[in-house]
Protein backbone atom coordinates (compact mmCIF):
# COMPACT_ATOMS: atom_id res chain seq x y z
CA MET A 1 0.01 -0.35 0.03
CA ALA A 2 1.56 3.50 -0.88
CA ARG A 3 2.81 5.39 1.81
CA HIS A 4 0.42 7.81 2.67
CA HIS A 5 2.20 11.53 3.11
CA HIS A 6 0.61 15.06 4.16
CA PRO A 7 1.87 18.59 5.62
CA ARG A 8 2.18 18.44 9.50
CA LYS A 9 -0.53 19.77 11.29
CA GLY A 10 -0.13 23.24 13.11
CA SER A 11 2.20 26.01 13.04
CA LEU A 12 5.47 26.18 14.77
CA ALA A 13 5.89 29.77 14.19
CA PHE A 14 4.13 30.59 17.56
CA SER A 15 5.89 28.32 19.43
CA PRO A 16 6.04 27.82 22.69
CA ARG A 17 2.28 28.35 22.99
CA LYS A 18 2.15 29.86 26.41
CA ARG A 19 0.32 32.32 28.41
CA ALA A 20 1.61 35.70 27.44
CA SER A 21 3.50 37.21 31.02
CA ARG A 22 0.86 40.63 30.68
CA GLU A 23 -2.23 41.47 29.36
CA THR A 24 -0.51 45.10 28.11
CA PRO A 25 1.01 44.44 24.84
CA GLY A 26 4.42 45.60 24.39
CA ILE A 27 5.84 46.77 21.15
CA LYS A 28 9.91 46.68 20.34
CA SER A 29 9.75 47.87 16.72
CA TRP A 30 8.24 50.94 15.19
CA PRO A 31 8.30 52.02 11.76
CA ALA A 32 10.32 54.98 10.55
CA ALA A 33 8.32 58.32 9.58
CA ASP A 34 9.97 61.68 8.46
CA GLU A 35 6.77 63.68 10.08
CA PRO A 36 6.79 64.19 14.21
CA ARG A 37 3.84 62.75 15.77
CA LEU A 38 3.15 59.34 17.75
CA LEU A 39 3.53 56.29 16.19
CA GLY A 40 0.78 54.50 17.96
CA LEU A 41 -2.37 54.68 20.45
CA ALA A 42 -3.98 52.26 22.89
CA GLY A 43 -7.90 51.25 22.69
CA TYR A 44 -9.87 49.19 24.19
CA LYS A 45 -11.99 46.21 21.98
CA VAL A 46 -15.97 47.52 22.23
CA GLY A 47 -17.36 44.53 19.80
CA MET A 48 -18.25 44.02 15.96
CA THR A 49 -20.47 45.17 13.59
CA HIS A 50 -21.19 45.42 10.26
CA VAL A 51 -21.36 48.56 7.66
CA LEU A 52 -22.47 49.21 4.10
CA MET A 53 -20.11 50.69 2.09
CA LEU A 54 -18.58 51.41 -1.70
CA ASP A 55 -15.72 49.22 -2.53
CA ASN A 56 -12.99 51.44 -3.14
CA ARG A 57 -10.36 48.68 -3.78
CA LYS A 58 -8.77 48.63 -7.02
CA ASN A 59 -9.60 45.74 -9.34
CA SER A 60 -11.46 43.97 -7.13
CA PRO A 61 -14.69 42.45 -8.54
CA THR A 62 -17.48 44.46 -6.69
CA GLU A 63 -15.12 47.75 -7.07
CA GLY A 64 -17.46 50.44 -7.24
CA MET A 65 -20.78 48.60 -5.72
CA GLU A 66 -21.85 48.57 -2.23
CA ILE A 67 -20.90 46.13 -0.43
CA SER A 68 -21.56 45.09 3.66
CA THR A 69 -18.17 44.27 5.69
CA PRO A 70 -17.48 43.56 9.03
CA VAL A 71 -16.34 45.80 11.33
CA THR A 72 -14.60 46.07 14.75
CA ILE A 73 -15.85 49.08 17.21
CA LEU A 74 -12.36 50.26 19.32
CA GLU A 75 -13.01 52.82 22.06
CA ILE A 76 -10.30 55.35 22.37
CA PRO A 77 -10.02 58.13 25.49
CA PRO A 78 -7.23 60.31 25.00
CA VAL A 79 -3.85 59.26 26.08
CA VAL A 80 -1.32 61.30 28.45
CA VAL A 81 1.66 61.07 27.52
CA MET A 82 3.52 61.02 30.86
CA GLY A 83 7.11 60.67 30.04
CA ILE A 84 10.04 60.55 27.90
CA ARG A 85 12.82 57.58 27.58
CA ALA A 86 15.94 57.81 25.38
CA TYR A 87 18.47 55.28 24.69
CA ARG A 88 21.83 54.90 24.15
CA ARG A 89 23.22 52.24 21.58
CA THR A 90 26.25 49.71 23.74
CA THR A 91 27.51 46.39 22.71
CA ASN A 92 24.19 45.02 24.02
CA GLY A 93 21.58 46.44 21.98
CA LEU A 94 19.73 49.71 23.14
CA LYS A 95 19.80 50.45 27.07
CA ALA A 96 17.82 53.04 28.73
CA MET A 97 19.68 55.78 28.76
CA MET A 98 17.41 58.72 31.03
CA ASP A 99 13.56 58.72 32.30
CA ILE A 100 11.88 62.27 32.57
CA LEU A 101 8.13 61.82 34.18
CA GLU A 102 6.00 64.31 33.92
CA ASP A 103 6.14 66.42 37.27
CA ASP A 104 1.95 66.82 37.96
CA LEU A 105 0.68 63.07 36.99
CA ASP A 106 -2.64 61.60 37.17
CA GLU A 107 -3.13 60.15 40.78
CA ASP A 108 -4.87 56.65 39.58
CA LEU A 109 -0.94 55.72 38.45
CA GLU A 110 -0.24 55.08 41.77
CA ARG A 111 -2.29 52.13 41.09
CA LYS A 112 0.06 51.19 38.99
CA ILE A 113 3.37 52.41 39.69
CA THR A 114 5.02 54.25 42.97
CA LEU A 115 4.84 58.17 42.02
CA PRO A 116 7.74 59.64 42.50
CA GLU A 117 6.92 63.22 45.15
CA LYS A 118 5.99 66.40 43.33
CA TYR A 119 9.47 68.24 42.61
CA ASP A 120 9.71 71.65 41.07
CA ARG A 121 9.50 72.13 37.77
CA LYS A 122 13.02 73.71 37.78
CA VAL A 123 14.25 70.06 38.55
CA LYS A 124 12.36 68.86 35.49
CA LYS A 125 13.35 72.05 33.11
CA ALA A 126 16.98 71.13 34.49
CA ASN A 127 16.15 67.03 33.35
CA LEU A 128 15.19 68.62 29.83
CA GLU A 129 18.55 70.71 29.61
CA LYS A 130 20.56 67.73 30.50
CA LEU A 131 18.75 65.38 28.02
CA LYS A 132 19.45 68.16 24.87
CA GLU A 133 23.19 68.57 26.14
CA ASN A 134 24.06 64.72 25.86
CA ILE A 135 21.76 64.32 22.50
CA ASP A 136 25.02 62.67 20.83
CA GLU A 137 24.15 59.81 22.93
CA ILE A 138 20.62 59.48 22.53
CA ALA A 139 20.40 56.48 19.20
CA GLU A 140 16.35 56.27 20.22
CA LEU A 141 13.65 58.41 21.77
CA ARG A 142 10.47 57.33 22.56
CA VAL A 143 7.52 58.47 25.16
CA LEU A 144 5.49 57.00 28.07
CA ILE A 145 1.90 57.32 27.66
CA HIS A 146 -0.84 56.25 30.06
CA THR A 147 -4.60 55.38 29.47
CA LYS A 148 -7.79 56.39 30.93
CA PRO A 149 -9.42 53.16 31.21
CA LYS A 150 -12.06 55.51 34.12
CA LEU A 151 -13.83 57.52 31.20
CA THR A 152 -15.25 53.83 29.47
CA SER A 153 -17.36 51.10 30.01
CA VAL A 154 -14.55 49.02 30.69
CA PRO A 155 -14.82 48.27 35.20
CA LYS A 156 -11.52 49.38 35.68
CA LYS A 157 -9.73 52.56 37.43
CA LYS A 158 -5.86 51.35 36.72
CA PRO A 159 -4.63 53.03 34.12
CA GLU A 160 -2.04 51.05 31.21
CA ILE A 161 1.42 52.32 30.80
CA ILE A 162 2.98 51.82 27.11
CA GLU A 163 6.15 52.92 25.62
CA CYS A 164 5.35 55.02 22.22
CA GLY A 165 7.63 55.13 19.30
CA ILE A 166 7.47 58.96 17.80
CA GLY A 167 8.52 59.99 14.36
CA GLY A 168 11.17 62.62 13.23
CA SER A 169 14.30 62.38 10.42
CA THR A 170 16.46 63.51 13.25
CA ILE A 171 16.51 62.91 17.25
CA GLU A 172 16.84 66.86 17.45
CA GLU A 173 13.20 66.79 15.87
CA LYS A 174 11.94 63.31 17.86
CA LEU A 175 12.83 65.61 21.10
CA ASP A 176 11.13 69.03 20.64
CA TYR A 177 8.17 67.05 19.14
CA ALA A 178 8.40 64.77 22.85
CA ILE A 179 9.17 68.18 24.46
CA GLU A 180 6.15 69.52 22.10
CA ILE A 181 3.66 67.07 23.39
CA PHE A 182 4.85 66.56 27.31
CA GLY A 183 2.01 65.82 29.48
CA LYS A 184 -0.69 67.49 27.12
CA GLU A 185 -3.46 64.42 26.13
CA ILE A 186 -3.32 63.05 22.71
CA THR A 187 -6.35 61.81 20.82
CA ALA A 188 -6.97 59.21 17.61
CA LYS A 189 -7.52 62.27 14.92
CA GLU A 190 -3.91 63.56 16.30
CA VAL A 191 -2.46 60.31 15.25
CA PHE A 192 -4.55 58.30 12.75
CA ALA A 193 -6.15 59.37 9.93
CA ASP A 194 -9.88 57.56 7.59
CA GLY A 195 -8.32 55.15 5.42
CA GLU A 196 -5.22 54.20 6.95
CA HIS A 197 -3.39 51.06 7.60
CA VAL A 198 -2.52 50.29 11.29
CA ASP A 199 -1.06 47.02 13.06
CA SER A 200 -3.33 46.21 15.47
CA VAL A 201 -0.99 44.52 18.56
CA ALA A 202 -3.28 42.03 21.59
CA VAL A 203 -3.73 38.94 23.75
CA THR A 204 -5.66 36.52 22.47
CA LYS A 205 -8.50 35.06 24.22
CA GLY A 206 -7.78 32.69 26.52
CA LYS A 207 -9.33 28.68 26.19
CA GLY A 208 -7.31 27.50 28.69
CA PHE A 209 -5.87 23.65 28.61
CA GLN A 210 -6.42 21.88 25.40
CA GLY A 211 -5.77 18.93 24.24
CA PRO A 212 -3.61 18.09 20.83
CA VAL A 213 -6.79 18.33 18.68
CA LYS A 214 -8.00 21.25 18.94
CA ARG A 215 -4.88 22.68 19.82
CA TRP A 216 -2.88 21.48 16.82
CA GLY A 217 -5.74 20.22 14.45
CA ILE A 218 -4.33 16.80 14.64
CA LYS A 219 -6.33 13.67 12.80
CA ILE A 220 -8.71 11.61 15.15
CA GLN A 221 -7.01 8.38 15.50
CA TYR A 222 -9.60 5.36 13.87
CA GLY A 223 -9.39 1.56 14.48
CA LYS A 224 -7.10 -0.06 16.67
CA ALA A 225 -5.47 3.17 17.49
CA ALA A 226 -8.74 4.37 19.00
CA ARG A 227 -9.91 2.26 21.56
CA SER A 228 -7.57 4.13 23.65
CA SER A 229 -8.30 7.83 25.01
CA LYS A 230 -10.72 7.61 21.82
CA GLY A 231 -7.98 8.14 19.58
CA ARG A 232 -7.46 12.25 20.12
CA HIS A 233 -3.86 11.90 20.29
CA VAL A 234 -0.62 11.77 18.03
CA GLY A 235 0.22 8.29 16.01
CA SER A 236 3.81 8.71 17.88
CA LEU A 237 5.38 10.75 20.10
CA GLY A 238 8.87 9.98 18.04
CA PRO A 239 11.24 7.53 16.84
CA TRP A 240 13.32 5.23 19.17
CA SER A 241 16.88 7.49 17.77
CA PRO A 242 16.61 10.12 19.33
CA SER A 243 15.24 8.82 22.55
CA ARG A 244 13.25 11.79 23.85
CA THR A 245 10.50 13.46 22.69
CA MET A 246 10.76 16.46 20.09
CA TRP A 247 9.68 19.89 20.98
CA THR A 248 7.79 19.83 17.24
CA VAL A 249 5.59 16.93 18.11
CA PRO A 250 1.86 18.47 18.98
CA GLN A 251 0.82 18.00 22.73
CA ALA A 252 -1.48 19.16 24.76
CA GLY A 253 -0.97 22.53 26.77
CA GLN A 254 -2.06 26.03 27.19
CA MET A 255 -4.45 27.61 24.40
CA GLY A 256 -4.92 31.22 23.68
CA TYR A 257 -4.06 34.15 25.37
CA HIS A 258 -1.06 34.68 23.28
CA LYS A 259 0.34 38.21 22.05
CA ARG A 260 -0.57 38.59 18.31
CA THR A 261 0.31 41.23 15.83
CA GLU A 262 -2.27 41.33 12.90
CA TYR A 263 -0.79 43.79 10.02
CA ASN A 264 -2.28 46.31 7.75
CA LYS A 265 -6.09 46.37 9.61
CA LYS A 266 -7.55 49.43 7.64
CA ILE A 267 -9.16 51.90 9.49
CA LEU A 268 -12.72 52.98 8.22
CA LYS A 269 -13.68 55.85 10.56
CA ILE A 270 -12.51 57.65 13.45
CA GLY A 271 -15.42 59.00 15.03
CA GLU A 272 -15.55 61.99 18.22
CA SER A 273 -17.06 61.37 21.32
CA SER A 274 -20.56 63.72 19.80
CA GLU A 275 -21.04 61.12 17.04
CA VAL A 276 -21.21 57.78 19.17
CA GLU A 277 -24.94 57.57 18.34
CA ASP A 278 -23.95 56.20 14.70
CA VAL A 279 -22.58 53.09 16.67
CA ASN A 280 -23.99 52.22 20.05
CA PRO A 281 -26.16 49.31 19.52
CA LYS A 282 -30.05 49.85 21.53
CA GLY A 283 -28.47 48.52 25.04
CA GLY A 284 -25.11 49.16 24.31
CA PHE A 285 -22.99 46.67 23.10
CA VAL A 286 -22.74 42.91 24.58
CA LYS A 287 -20.21 42.29 27.37
CA TYR A 288 -18.71 45.75 26.97
CA GLY A 289 -21.44 48.79 27.76
CA LEU A 290 -21.86 51.98 25.78
CA VAL A 291 -19.28 53.75 23.66
CA LYS A 292 -18.62 57.19 25.33
CA ASN A 293 -15.44 58.49 23.61
CA ASP A 294 -13.86 58.93 20.46
CA TYR A 295 -13.56 55.73 18.45
CA ILE A 296 -11.93 53.70 15.48
CA MET A 297 -13.61 51.30 13.45
CA ILE A 298 -11.67 48.90 11.34
CA LYS A 299 -12.49 47.00 8.56
CA GLY A 300 -12.78 42.66 10.21
CA SER A 301 -11.70 41.27 13.25
CA ILE A 302 -8.43 41.43 15.77
CA PRO A 303 -7.13 39.71 18.91
CA GLY A 304 -8.86 39.91 21.63
CA PRO A 305 -11.95 39.56 23.75
CA SER A 306 -13.86 42.54 24.44
CA LYS A 307 -12.70 45.02 27.12
CA ARG A 308 -9.10 43.81 26.26
CA LEU A 309 -6.63 46.38 25.43
CA VAL A 310 -5.30 46.80 22.26
CA VAL A 311 -2.80 49.04 20.73
CA LEU A 312 -2.31 49.98 17.03
CA ARG A 313 0.40 51.07 15.57
CA LYS A 314 1.01 52.33 12.57
CA ALA A 315 1.91 49.63 9.35
CA ILE A 316 5.42 48.91 9.82
CA ARG A 317 4.77 46.84 6.09
CA PRO A 318 2.43 48.63 4.16
CA HIS A 319 3.29 47.54 1.01
CA GLY A 320 1.31 47.84 -2.20
CA LYS A 321 -1.68 49.13 0.28
CA GLN A 322 -4.11 52.14 -0.76
CA ASN A 323 -5.11 54.77 2.10
CA ASP A 324 -8.04 55.90 0.59
CA ALA A 325 -11.02 56.53 2.85
CA PRO A 326 -14.14 54.75 2.00
CA GLN A 327 -17.64 56.08 1.50
CA ILE A 328 -20.06 54.46 4.60
CA SER A 329 -23.48 54.65 3.58
CA TYR A 330 -25.10 52.60 6.51
CA ILE A 331 -23.64 51.34 9.91
CA SER A 332 -25.62 48.76 11.97
CA THR A 333 -27.13 49.69 15.32
CA ALA A 334 -29.31 46.35 15.84
CA SER A 335 -29.07 45.13 18.99
CA LYS A 336 -26.13 42.72 19.15
CA GLN A 337 -27.99 40.91 22.13
CA GLY A 338 -28.60 37.43 22.11
CA VAL A 339 -25.85 37.22 18.58
């Protein structure tokens, strides 16, 4: 009988599949941008609905026609720029060189970090001057931002702190912009635009301990092999030599609650807090409630359950993507209860 060949089950690209270390995702890589502005923003996943819009994709079979598209709503309350962080380049990579925090920080941050004692503004000014004097040593400059969950329907008071990259052609330009926005609130429209492509970074839904069939998609055993444990196991854990179980063998373990990045998600609309009635269904979104602040409407789905923090980053590889804002004719606000 001919030997049966088929590709292995499950991708090894995300191994090891263990739980994320924290629910707030961190971003290591930021795209290069000449325009001085924030390169990312954080918001809370609300839920999904659908819209009717004019298809403006070139060479699409439905180009110029009205189509129905699933969308995800993110609530984006204003974030506060609470600090500036400078990095120097060493033989072991980038190392933090100096942190400068705003002197008048939100009291809710005490739930997250130990706040420094309020110091004189002269000290803050002296630290900024010191940073300018050592600007030749700076290899990378970023800002620290914190969210405002109390403004949303998320039952949370503790803000999340995120390190965010900033655009600029030179370090001097980045530093000037960082000083300009230091301590200020930044809204969604100051960072992104309608039709723009972004990368969404979030921790996925946790599914707990699962077997290899659900976790890796292996085939259920049949015949004599299925008599033990209903056949929901791999055919072999490995050869006699090497006499050990390889890490590539699909086995049971943690499924979900992993940090994932989805590239080139299209922003269909950025709405202001005065336009929330355009998206709020009767009774609010399931497991979330009502949108109260600015929101972003993204085409398709993004990782994570409702209420989870999602970090949006300017697209790091937007090759061949067109940033034309679509024409939306209808947004569904039908009740999502029982769906």
